[in-house]
């Protein structure tokens, strides 16, 4: 005979507590305490999940390395977008000046023209939202981690003022097994160095892509790298506590297959268009707050 659980649903119906229907509601203070405890519990569970993922990725490093080596040889190498890596979007009033610095997404791997990259699509979205003109420029290096960008890309930035800096690094730091703390420190150093070149611009840090949805990555490699991507994302989000006028993007759902280039690894034209719209929406409040202070 199937054993009944200690409390079947009908037991609850028979034994209403003092806050059940007809017996009032818990005091507001107690509801607030309960919500606070639930939030703390969720936060603790999230931290535990991230720590477990990082530990699992370290344990599976030999497998990730072997599968990654095979994948690198199998995935086709696509060229970067053709120059010029700067442009202008017409409008009325004072121009919004956009600088993008990052890895292959900024250099436009998988795209035919530079005006399809996230720097250009963000500028067009800002121009559409404000009616103002927008000038954009991109400084990208395929294969760069944040630290490589700090040492090799920042020195290339022309020291003219910018209103918005887009920082787009993630995949190479994930693949290089950079620790979350080091990743965040490198981002902070790069943002500070870039601002020293172009002024106290608003900053949007691109989200760490969910590598577990990349078509080119086989299982279990995509799962292992997905764990590390989640940990780097959490570390990047804490930058808002360290640096002013900065926001960090977060991918809320897996990337659909139709957002990838033919290599199954880099974002295609549609993805850059959607990405630019999202970054512009995140950046606009920061840009407008700076305009109000002028």
C-alpha atoms as a PDB file:
ATOM      1  CA  UNK A   1       0.000   0.000   0.000  1.00  0.00           C
ATOM      2  CA  UNK A   2       1.245   3.427  -0.875  1.00  0.00           C
ATOM      3  CA  UNK A   3       2.234   5.297   2.244  1.00  0.00           C
ATOM      4  CA  UNK A   4       0.582   8.683   2.700  1.00  0.00           C
ATOM      5  CA  UNK A   5       2.704  11.717   3.402  1.00  0.00           C
ATOM      6  CA  UNK A   6       2.614  13.230   6.850  1.00  0.00           C
ATOM      7  CA  UNK A   7       0.520  16.160   5.668  1.00  0.00           C
ATOM      8  CA  UNK A   8      -1.787  15.686   2.728  1.00  0.00           C
ATOM      9  CA  UNK A   9      -3.315  18.815   1.126  1.00  0.00           C
ATOM     10  CA  UNK A  10      -6.598  18.177   2.950  1.00  0.00           C
ATOM     11  CA  UNK A  11      -4.800  18.390   6.295  1.00  0.00           C
ATOM     12  CA  UNK A  12      -4.020  22.036   5.592  1.00  0.00           C
ATOM     13  CA  UNK A  13      -7.649  22.652   4.739  1.00  0.00           C
ATOM     14  CA  UNK A  14      -8.707  21.173   8.048  1.00  0.00           C
ATOM     15  CA  UNK A  15      -6.191  23.143  10.094  1.00  0.00           C
ATOM     16  CA  UNK A  16      -6.250  26.792   9.023  1.00  0.00           C
ATOM     17  CA  UNK A  17      -3.780  29.061  10.777  1.00  0.00           C
ATOM     18  CA  UNK A  18      -4.653  32.447  12.163  1.00  0.00           C
ATOM     19  CA  UNK A  19      -3.741  34.125   8.870  1.00  0.00           C
ATOM     20  CA  UNK A  20      -5.995  31.923   6.725  1.00  0.00           C
ATOM     21  CA  UNK A  21      -9.158  33.194   5.105  1.00  0.00           C
ATOM     22  CA  UNK A  22     -11.380  34.701   7.754  1.00  0.00           C
ATOM     23  CA  UNK A  23      -8.538  35.069  10.215  1.00  0.00           C
ATOM     24  CA  UNK A  24      -6.880  38.261   8.950  1.00  0.00           C
ATOM     25  CA  UNK A  25      -3.448  38.790   7.380  1.00  0.00           C
ATOM     26  CA  UNK A  26       0.069  38.747   8.812  1.00  0.00           C
ATOM     27  CA  UNK A  27       1.285  42.134  10.021  1.00  0.00           C
ATOM     28  CA  UNK A  28       3.122  44.244   7.445  1.00  0.00           C
ATOM     29  CA  UNK A  29       6.320  44.099   9.471  1.00  0.00           C
ATOM     30  CA  UNK A  30       6.258  40.326   9.541  1.00  0.00           C
ATOM     31  CA  UNK A  31       5.601  40.167   5.784  1.00  0.00           C
ATOM     32  CA  UNK A  32       8.601  42.435   5.256  1.00  0.00           C
ATOM     33  CA  UNK A  33      10.782  40.220   7.430  1.00  0.00           C
ATOM     34  CA  UNK A  34       9.662  37.145   5.504  1.00  0.00           C
ATOM     35  CA  UNK A  35      10.395  38.807   2.151  1.00  0.00           C
ATOM     36  CA  UNK A  36      13.823  39.880   3.400  1.00  0.00           C
ATOM     37  CA  UNK A  37      14.636  36.360   4.561  1.00  0.00           C
ATOM     38  CA  UNK A  38      13.508  34.919   1.245  1.00  0.00           C
ATOM     39  CA  UNK A  39      15.690  37.407  -0.636  1.00  0.00           C
ATOM     40  CA  UNK A  40      18.696  36.491   1.520  1.00  0.00           C
ATOM     41  CA  UNK A  41      18.016  32.792   0.959  1.00  0.00           C
ATOM     42  CA  UNK A  42      17.794  33.272  -2.811  1.00  0.00           C
ATOM     43  CA  UNK A  43      21.037  35.273  -2.792  1.00  0.00           C
ATOM     44  CA  UNK A  44      22.790  32.568  -0.784  1.00  0.00           C
ATOM     45  CA  UNK A  45      21.525  29.878  -3.156  1.00  0.00           C
ATOM     46  CA  UNK A  46      22.687  31.881  -6.178  1.00  0.00           C
ATOM     47  CA  UNK A  47      26.156  32.331  -4.672  1.00  0.00           C
ATOM     48  CA  UNK A  48      26.328  28.633  -3.863  1.00  0.00           C
ATOM     49  CA  UNK A  49      25.317  27.733  -7.427  1.00  0.00           C
ATOM     50  CA  UNK A  50      28.009  30.016  -8.868  1.00  0.00           C
ATOM     51  CA  UNK A  51      30.650  28.564  -6.544  1.00  0.00           C
ATOM     52  CA  UNK A  52      29.602  25.033  -7.460  1.00  0.00           C
ATOM     53  CA  UNK A  53      29.804  25.876 -11.150  1.00  0.00           C
ATOM     54  CA  UNK A  54      33.289  27.361 -10.817  1.00  0.00           C
ATOM     55  CA  UNK A  55      34.468  24.345  -8.825  1.00  0.00           C
ATOM     56  CA  UNK A  56      32.953  21.999 -11.394  1.00  0.00           C
ATOM     57  CA  UNK A  57      34.617  23.846 -14.261  1.00  0.00           C
ATOM     58  CA  UNK A  58      37.999  23.538 -12.531  1.00  0.00           C
ATOM     59  CA  UNK A  59      37.498  19.827 -11.959  1.00  0.00           C
ATOM     60  CA  UNK A  60      36.596  19.388 -15.632  1.00  0.00           C
ATOM     61  CA  UNK A  61      39.412  21.584 -16.966  1.00  0.00           C
ATOM     62  CA  UNK A  62      41.260  18.727 -18.745  1.00  0.00           C
ATOM     63  CA  UNK A  63      38.067  17.766 -20.578  1.00  0.00           C
ATOM     64  CA  UNK A  64      37.305  21.408 -21.433  1.00  0.00           C
ATOM     65  CA  UNK A  65      40.842  21.925 -22.735  1.00  0.00           C
ATOM     66  CA  UNK A  66      40.729  18.806 -24.935  1.00  0.00           C
ATOM     67  CA  UNK A  67      37.282  19.527 -26.330  1.00  0.00           C
ATOM     68  CA  UNK A  68      38.140  23.212 -26.790  1.00  0.00           C
ATOM     69  CA  UNK A  69      41.211  22.326 -28.842  1.00  0.00           C
ATOM     70  CA  UNK A  70      39.128  20.197 -31.185  1.00  0.00           C
ATOM     71  CA  UNK A  71      36.452  22.882 -31.436  1.00  0.00           C
ATOM     72  CA  UNK A  72      38.960  25.610 -32.322  1.00  0.00           C
ATOM     73  CA  UNK A  73      40.199  23.531 -35.259  1.00  0.00           C
ATOM     74  CA  UNK A  74      36.668  22.755 -36.428  1.00  0.00           C
ATOM     75  CA  UNK A  75      35.040  26.214 -36.244  1.00  0.00           C
ATOM     76  CA  UNK A  76      35.652  28.240 -39.445  1.00  0.00           C
ATOM     77  CA  UNK A  77      37.601  31.482 -39.146  1.00  0.00           C
ATOM     78  CA  UNK A  78      35.603  34.449 -40.379  1.00  0.00           C
ATOM     79  CA  UNK A  79      37.125  37.811 -41.369  1.00  0.00           C
ATOM     80  CA  UNK A  80      36.557  41.086 -39.554  1.00  0.00           C
ATOM     81  CA  UNK A  81      34.209  43.733 -40.879  1.00  0.00           C
ATOM     82  CA  UNK A  82      35.668  46.023 -43.503  1.00  0.00           C
ATOM     83  CA  UNK A  83      36.818  49.523 -42.426  1.00  0.00           C
ATOM     84  CA  UNK A  84      36.325  52.367 -41.747  1.00  0.00           C
ATOM     85  CA  UNK A  85      35.628  51.636 -38.095  1.00  0.00           C
ATOM     86  CA  UNK A  86      33.926  54.946 -37.478  1.00  0.00           C
ATOM     87  CA  UNK A  87      30.859  56.710 -38.749  1.00  0.00           C
ATOM     88  CA  UNK A  88      28.199  59.385 -38.375  1.00  0.00           C
ATOM     89  CA  UNK A  89      24.432  59.242 -37.902  1.00  0.00           C
ATOM     90  CA  UNK A  90      22.638  62.503 -38.826  1.00  0.00           C
ATOM     91  CA  UNK A  91      20.322  64.359 -36.472  1.00  0.00           C
ATOM     92  CA  UNK A  92      19.644  67.728 -34.878  1.00  0.00           C
ATOM     93  CA  UNK A  93      21.578  69.264 -32.002  1.00  0.00           C
ATOM     94  CA  UNK A  94      24.725  68.224 -30.207  1.00  0.00           C
ATOM     95  CA  UNK A  95      26.173  64.879 -31.264  1.00  0.00           C
ATOM     96  CA  UNK A  96      26.334  61.871 -28.961  1.00  0.00           C
ATOM     97  CA  UNK A  97      29.853  60.489 -29.222  1.00  0.00           C
ATOM     98  CA  UNK A  98      30.157  56.711 -28.874  1.00  0.00           C
ATOM     99  CA  UNK A  99      33.350  54.712 -28.381  1.00  0.00           C
ATOM    100  CA  UNK A 100      33.299  50.901 -28.380  1.00  0.00           C
ATOM    101  CA  UNK A 101      36.271  48.909 -27.144  1.00  0.00           C
ATOM    102  CA  UNK A 102      36.342  45.138 -27.044  1.00  0.00           C
ATOM    103  CA  UNK A 103      37.039  41.776 -28.598  1.00  0.00           C
ATOM    104  CA  UNK A 104      35.881  40.252 -31.898  1.00  0.00           C
ATOM    105  CA  UNK A 105      32.326  41.545 -31.514  1.00  0.00           C
ATOM    106  CA  UNK A 106      33.663  45.100 -31.739  1.00  0.00           C
ATOM    107  CA  UNK A 107      35.971  44.318 -34.654  1.00  0.00           C
ATOM    108  CA  UNK A 108      32.978  42.782 -36.443  1.00  0.00           C
ATOM    109  CA  UNK A 109      33.870  39.138 -36.968  1.00  0.00           C
ATOM    110  CA  UNK A 110      31.052  37.575 -38.975  1.00  0.00           C
ATOM    111  CA  UNK A 111      29.852  40.886 -40.458  1.00  0.00           C
ATOM    112  CA  UNK A 112      30.511  42.314 -43.900  1.00  0.00           C
ATOM    113  CA  UNK A 113      30.622  46.021 -42.970  1.00  0.00           C
ATOM    114  CA  UNK A 114      31.708  47.968 -39.911  1.00  0.00           C
ATOM    115  CA  UNK A 115      28.467  49.958 -39.853  1.00  0.00           C
ATOM    116  CA  UNK A 116      26.735  46.712 -38.841  1.00  0.00           C
ATOM    117  CA  UNK A 117      28.737  46.383 -35.610  1.00  0.00           C
ATOM    118  CA  UNK A 118      27.432  47.111 -32.132  1.00  0.00           C
ATOM    119  CA  UNK A 119      29.174  50.510 -32.050  1.00  0.00           C
ATOM    120  CA  UNK A 120      27.226  51.640 -35.118  1.00  0.00           C
ATOM    121  CA  UNK A 121      23.908  50.055 -34.139  1.00  0.00           C
ATOM    122  CA  UNK A 122      24.075  51.626 -30.685  1.00  0.00           C
ATOM    123  CA  UNK A 123      24.765  55.026 -32.244  1.00  0.00           C
ATOM    124  CA  UNK A 124      21.821  54.660 -34.629  1.00  0.00           C
ATOM    125  CA  UNK A 125      19.539  53.639 -31.774  1.00  0.00           C
ATOM    126  CA  UNK A 126      20.625  56.624 -29.679  1.00  0.00           C
ATOM    127  CA  UNK A 127      20.027  58.947 -32.625  1.00  0.00           C
ATOM    128  CA  UNK A 128      16.562  57.486 -33.142  1.00  0.00           C
ATOM    129  CA  UNK A 129      15.680  57.785 -29.438  1.00  0.00           C
ATOM    130  CA  UNK A 130      16.901  61.378 -29.066  1.00  0.00           C
ATOM    131  CA  UNK A 131      16.732  62.893 -32.548  1.00  0.00           C
ATOM    132  CA  UNK A 132      20.345  63.971 -32.069  1.00  0.00           C
ATOM    133  CA  UNK A 133      23.246  63.072 -34.345  1.00  0.00           C
ATOM    134  CA  UNK A 134      25.652  60.386 -33.186  1.00  0.00           C
ATOM    135  CA  UNK A 135      29.304  59.783 -33.995  1.00  0.00           C
ATOM    136  CA  UNK A 136      30.716  56.318 -33.395  1.00  0.00           C
ATOM    137  CA  UNK A 137      34.133  54.706 -33.462  1.00  0.00           C
ATOM    138  CA  UNK A 138      35.238  51.164 -32.684  1.00  0.00           C
ATOM    139  CA  UNK A 139      38.495  49.811 -31.313  1.00  0.00           C
ATOM    140  CA  UNK A 140      38.412  46.027 -31.384  1.00  0.00           C
ATOM    141  CA  UNK A 141      40.893  43.175 -31.309  1.00  0.00           C
ATOM    142  CA  UNK A 142      39.936  39.596 -32.094  1.00  0.00           C
ATOM    143  CA  UNK A 143      40.920  37.175 -29.345  1.00  0.00           C
ATOM    144  CA  UNK A 144      41.512  39.887 -26.750  1.00  0.00           C
ATOM    145  CA  UNK A 145      40.833  39.433 -23.065  1.00  0.00           C
ATOM    146  CA  UNK A 146      40.126  42.490 -20.931  1.00  0.00           C
ATOM    147  CA  UNK A 147      43.748  42.612 -19.824  1.00  0.00           C
ATOM    148  CA  UNK A 148      44.987  42.470 -23.413  1.00  0.00           C
ATOM    149  CA  UNK A 149      42.543  45.251 -24.243  1.00  0.00           C
ATOM    150  CA  UNK A 150      43.908  47.348 -21.392  1.00  0.00           C
ATOM    151  CA  UNK A 151      47.476  47.046 -22.641  1.00  0.00           C
ATOM    152  CA  UNK A 152      46.969  46.932 -26.436  1.00  0.00           C
ATOM    153  CA  UNK A 153      43.684  48.676 -27.247  1.00  0.00           C
ATOM    154  CA  UNK A 154      43.500  51.547 -24.778  1.00  0.00           C
ATOM    155  CA  UNK A 155      46.801  53.024 -26.043  1.00  0.00           C
ATOM    156  CA  UNK A 156      45.245  53.132 -29.551  1.00  0.00           C
ATOM    157  CA  UNK A 157      42.270  55.251 -28.466  1.00  0.00           C
ATOM    158  CA  UNK A 158      42.390  58.725 -29.959  1.00  0.00           C
ATOM    159  CA  UNK A 159      42.111  61.064 -26.954  1.00  0.00           C
ATOM    160  CA  UNK A 160      39.040  62.990 -28.071  1.00  0.00           C
ATOM    161  CA  UNK A 161      35.934  63.314 -25.862  1.00  0.00           C
ATOM    162  CA  UNK A 162      33.232  60.638 -25.776  1.00  0.00           C
ATOM    163  CA  UNK A 163      29.809  60.595 -24.155  1.00  0.00           C
ATOM    164  CA  UNK A 164      29.484  56.819 -24.037  1.00  0.00           C
ATOM    165  CA  UNK A 165      31.994  53.991 -23.775  1.00  0.00           C
ATOM    166  CA  UNK A 166      30.841  50.494 -24.687  1.00  0.00           C
ATOM    167  CA  UNK A 167      33.053  47.802 -23.150  1.00  0.00           C
ATOM    168  CA  UNK A 168      32.527  44.406 -24.803  1.00  0.00           C
ATOM    169  CA  UNK A 169      34.754  41.611 -23.540  1.00  0.00           C
ATOM    170  CA  UNK A 170      33.757  38.209 -22.220  1.00  0.00           C
ATOM    171  CA  UNK A 171      34.220  35.122 -24.386  1.00  0.00           C
ATOM    172  CA  UNK A 172      38.019  35.092 -24.340  1.00  0.00           C
ATOM    173  CA  UNK A 173      38.134  35.698 -20.586  1.00  0.00           C
ATOM    174  CA  UNK A 174      35.716  32.811 -20.094  1.00  0.00           C
ATOM    175  CA  UNK A 175      37.753  30.528 -22.360  1.00  0.00           C
ATOM    176  CA  UNK A 176      40.994  31.576 -20.642  1.00  0.00           C
ATOM    177  CA  UNK A 177      39.517  30.560 -17.249  1.00  0.00           C
ATOM    178  CA  UNK A 178      40.057  34.047 -15.824  1.00  0.00           C
ATOM    179  CA  UNK A 179      38.938  34.192 -12.223  1.00  0.00           C
ATOM    180  CA  UNK A 180      35.833  36.312 -11.576  1.00  0.00           C
ATOM    181  CA  UNK A 181      37.724  38.660  -9.244  1.00  0.00           C
ATOM    182  CA  UNK A 182      40.534  39.218 -11.745  1.00  0.00           C
ATOM    183  CA  UNK A 183      38.017  39.759 -14.547  1.00  0.00           C
ATOM    184  CA  UNK A 184      36.246  42.466 -12.530  1.00  0.00           C
ATOM    185  CA  UNK A 185      39.528  44.137 -11.558  1.00  0.00           C
ATOM    186  CA  UNK A 186      40.662  44.162 -15.189  1.00  0.00           C
ATOM    187  CA  UNK A 187      37.355  45.707 -16.267  1.00  0.00           C
ATOM    188  CA  UNK A 188      37.656  48.421 -13.619  1.00  0.00           C
ATOM    189  CA  UNK A 189      41.205  49.208 -14.725  1.00  0.00           C
ATOM    190  CA  UNK A 190      40.198  49.341 -18.399  1.00  0.00           C
ATOM    191  CA  UNK A 191      37.214  51.627 -17.748  1.00  0.00           C
ATOM    192  CA  UNK A 192      39.394  53.980 -15.686  1.00  0.00           C
ATOM    193  CA  UNK A 193      42.106  54.043 -18.366  1.00  0.00           C
ATOM    194  CA  UNK A 194      39.592  54.635 -21.164  1.00  0.00           C
ATOM    195  CA  UNK A 195      37.998  57.500 -19.238  1.00  0.00           C
ATOM    196  CA  UNK A 196      41.417  59.027 -18.786  1.00  0.00           C
ATOM    197  CA  UNK A 197      41.609  59.161 -22.581  1.00  0.00           C
ATOM    198  CA  UNK A 198      38.138  60.422 -23.479  1.00  0.00           C
ATOM    199  CA  UNK A 199      36.742  62.055 -20.352  1.00  0.00           C
ATOM    200  CA  UNK A 200      34.211  60.967 -17.759  1.00  0.00           C
ATOM    201  CA  UNK A 201      31.898  59.221 -20.198  1.00  0.00           C
ATOM    202  CA  UNK A 202      28.966  57.007 -19.320  1.00  0.00           C
ATOM    203  CA  UNK A 203      29.902  53.334 -19.545  1.00  0.00           C
ATOM    204  CA  UNK A 204      27.884  50.302 -20.582  1.00  0.00           C
ATOM    205  CA  UNK A 205      29.658  47.005 -19.935  1.00  0.00           C
ATOM    206  CA  UNK A 206      28.341  44.358 -22.300  1.00  0.00           C
ATOM    207  CA  UNK A 207      26.919  41.280 -20.617  1.00  0.00           C
ATOM    208  CA  UNK A 208      28.886  38.065 -20.472  1.00  0.00           C
ATOM    209  CA  UNK A 209      27.388  35.993 -23.261  1.00  0.00           C
ATOM    210  CA  UNK A 210      25.668  32.730 -22.236  1.00  0.00           C
ATOM    211  CA  UNK A 211      28.118  30.356 -23.871  1.00  0.00           C
ATOM    212  CA  UNK A 212      25.903  27.395 -23.098  1.00  0.00           C
ATOM    213  CA  UNK A 213      23.707  28.512 -26.008  1.00  0.00           C
ATOM    214  CA  UNK A 214      26.483  28.794 -28.637  1.00  0.00           C
ATOM    215  CA  UNK A 215      25.753  26.342 -31.499  1.00  0.00           C
ATOM    216  CA  UNK A 216      29.451  25.842 -32.255  1.00  0.00           C
ATOM    217  CA  UNK A 217      30.247  24.548 -28.768  1.00  0.00           C
ATOM    218  CA  UNK A 218      29.645  20.844 -28.123  1.00  0.00           C
ATOM    219  CA  UNK A 219      28.391  19.362 -24.885  1.00  0.00           C
ATOM    220  CA  UNK A 220      29.737  19.301 -22.187  1.00  0.00           C
ATOM    221  CA  UNK A 221      32.097  22.133 -23.146  1.00  0.00           C
ATOM    222  CA  UNK A 222      29.247  24.616 -23.568  1.00  0.00           C
ATOM    223  CA  UNK A 223      27.900  23.731 -20.118  1.00  0.00           C
ATOM    224  CA  UNK A 224      31.317  24.079 -18.477  1.00  0.00           C
ATOM    225  CA  UNK A 225      31.927  27.456 -20.102  1.00  0.00           C
ATOM    226  CA  UNK A 226      28.373  28.471 -19.252  1.00  0.00           C
ATOM    227  CA  UNK A 227      29.187  27.975 -15.570  1.00  0.00           C
ATOM    228  CA  UNK A 228      32.212  30.215 -15.855  1.00  0.00           C
ATOM    229  CA  UNK A 229      30.299  32.826 -17.849  1.00  0.00           C
ATOM    230  CA  UNK A 230      27.698  33.070 -15.078  1.00  0.00           C
ATOM    231  CA  UNK A 231      30.429  33.636 -12.478  1.00  0.00           C
ATOM    232  CA  UNK A 232      32.096  36.361 -14.564  1.00  0.00           C
ATOM    233  CA  UNK A 233      28.719  38.036 -15.099  1.00  0.00           C
ATOM    234  CA  UNK A 234      28.103  38.181 -11.347  1.00  0.00           C
ATOM    235  CA  UNK A 235      31.548  39.678 -10.780  1.00  0.00           C
ATOM    236  CA  UNK A 236      31.031  42.291 -13.508  1.00  0.00           C
ATOM    237  CA  UNK A 237      27.700  43.367 -12.043  1.00  0.00           C
ATOM    238  CA  UNK A 238      29.434  44.414  -8.820  1.00  0.00           C
ATOM    239  CA  UNK A 239      31.340  47.071 -10.766  1.00  0.00           C
ATOM    240  CA  UNK A 240      28.361  49.380 -10.281  1.00  0.00           C
ATOM    241  CA  UNK A 241      29.413  49.596  -6.626  1.00  0.00           C
ATOM    242  CA  UNK A 242      32.962  50.612  -7.566  1.00  0.00           C
ATOM    243  CA  UNK A 243      32.579  53.012 -10.476  1.00  0.00           C
ATOM    244  CA  UNK A 244      30.101  55.851 -11.122  1.00  0.00           C
ATOM    245  CA  UNK A 245      27.886  56.285 -14.208  1.00  0.00           C
ATOM    246  CA  UNK A 246      28.269  52.651 -15.196  1.00  0.00           C
ATOM    247  CA  UNK A 247      25.713  49.973 -15.986  1.00  0.00           C
ATOM    248  CA  UNK A 248      26.253  46.288 -16.737  1.00  0.00           C
ATOM    249  CA  UNK A 249      24.110  44.512 -19.297  1.00  0.00           C
ATOM    250  CA  UNK A 250      22.673  41.083 -18.470  1.00  0.00           C
ATOM    251  CA  UNK A 251      21.416  38.484 -20.940  1.00  0.00           C
ATOM    252  CA  UNK A 252      18.039  37.412 -19.591  1.00  0.00           C
ATOM    253  CA  UNK A 253      17.611  34.357 -21.809  1.00  0.00           C
ATOM    254  CA  UNK A 254      19.641  32.013 -24.052  1.00  0.00           C
ATOM    255  CA  UNK A 255      20.633  33.273 -27.480  1.00  0.00           C
ATOM    256  CA  UNK A 256      18.519  31.916 -30.322  1.00  0.00           C
ATOM    257  CA  UNK A 257      20.314  30.058 -33.157  1.00  0.00           C
ATOM    258  CA  UNK A 258      19.257  32.701 -35.705  1.00  0.00           C
ATOM    259  CA  UNK A 259      21.408  35.299 -33.916  1.00  0.00           C
ATOM    260  CA  UNK A 260      24.704  33.636 -34.872  1.00  0.00           C
ATOM    261  CA  UNK A 261      26.962  34.011 -37.886  1.00  0.00           C
ATOM    262  CA  UNK A 262      27.795  31.032 -40.094  1.00  0.00           C
ATOM    263  CA  UNK A 263      30.469  29.850 -37.632  1.00  0.00           C
ATOM    264  CA  UNK A 264      27.889  29.332 -34.886  1.00  0.00           C
ATOM    265  CA  UNK A 265      30.049  31.370 -32.530  1.00  0.00           C
ATOM    266  CA  UNK A 266      29.939  35.082 -33.375  1.00  0.00           C
ATOM    267  CA  UNK A 267      26.815  37.286 -33.438  1.00  0.00           C
ATOM    268  CA  UNK A 268      25.361  38.104 -36.834  1.00  0.00           C
ATOM    269  CA  UNK A 269      23.886  41.326 -38.213  1.00  0.00           C
ATOM    270  CA  UNK A 270      20.512  40.778 -36.547  1.00  0.00           C
ATOM    271  CA  UNK A 271      22.159  40.141 -33.183  1.00  0.00           C
ATOM    272  CA  UNK A 272      24.234  43.334 -33.441  1.00  0.00           C
ATOM    273  CA  UNK A 273      21.111  45.320 -34.289  1.00  0.00           C
ATOM    274  CA  UNK A 274      19.203  43.996 -31.265  1.00  0.00           C
ATOM    275  CA  UNK A 275      22.269  44.370 -29.078  1.00  0.00           C
ATOM    276  CA  UNK A 276      22.724  48.005 -30.076  1.00  0.00           C
ATOM    277  CA  UNK A 277      19.096  48.766 -29.261  1.00  0.00           C
ATOM    278  CA  UNK A 278      19.469  47.235 -25.808  1.00  0.00           C
ATOM    279  CA  UNK A 279      22.731  49.045 -25.045  1.00  0.00           C
ATOM    280  CA  UNK A 280      21.268  52.363 -26.178  1.00  0.00           C
ATOM    281  CA  UNK A 281      18.311  51.893 -23.837  1.00  0.00           C
ATOM    282  CA  UNK A 282      20.683  51.184 -20.944  1.00  0.00           C
ATOM    283  CA  UNK A 283      22.982  54.092 -21.783  1.00  0.00           C
ATOM    284  CA  UNK A 284      20.439  56.830 -22.431  1.00  0.00           C
ATOM    285  CA  UNK A 285      19.600  57.628 -18.770  1.00  0.00           C
ATOM    286  CA  UNK A 286      23.308  57.979 -17.977  1.00  0.00           C
ATOM    287  CA  UNK A 287      23.893  60.233 -20.985  1.00  0.00           C
ATOM    288  CA  UNK A 288      20.873  62.402 -20.188  1.00  0.00           C
ATOM    289  CA  UNK A 289      21.880  62.780 -16.547  1.00  0.00           C
ATOM    290  CA  UNK A 290      25.265  64.093 -17.683  1.00  0.00           C
ATOM    291  CA  UNK A 291      23.576  66.478 -20.121  1.00  0.00           C
ATOM    292  CA  UNK A 292      21.423  67.860 -17.295  1.00  0.00           C
ATOM    293  CA  UNK A 293      24.512  68.730 -15.256  1.00  0.00           C
ATOM    294  CA  UNK A 294      26.127  70.728 -18.046  1.00  0.00           C
END
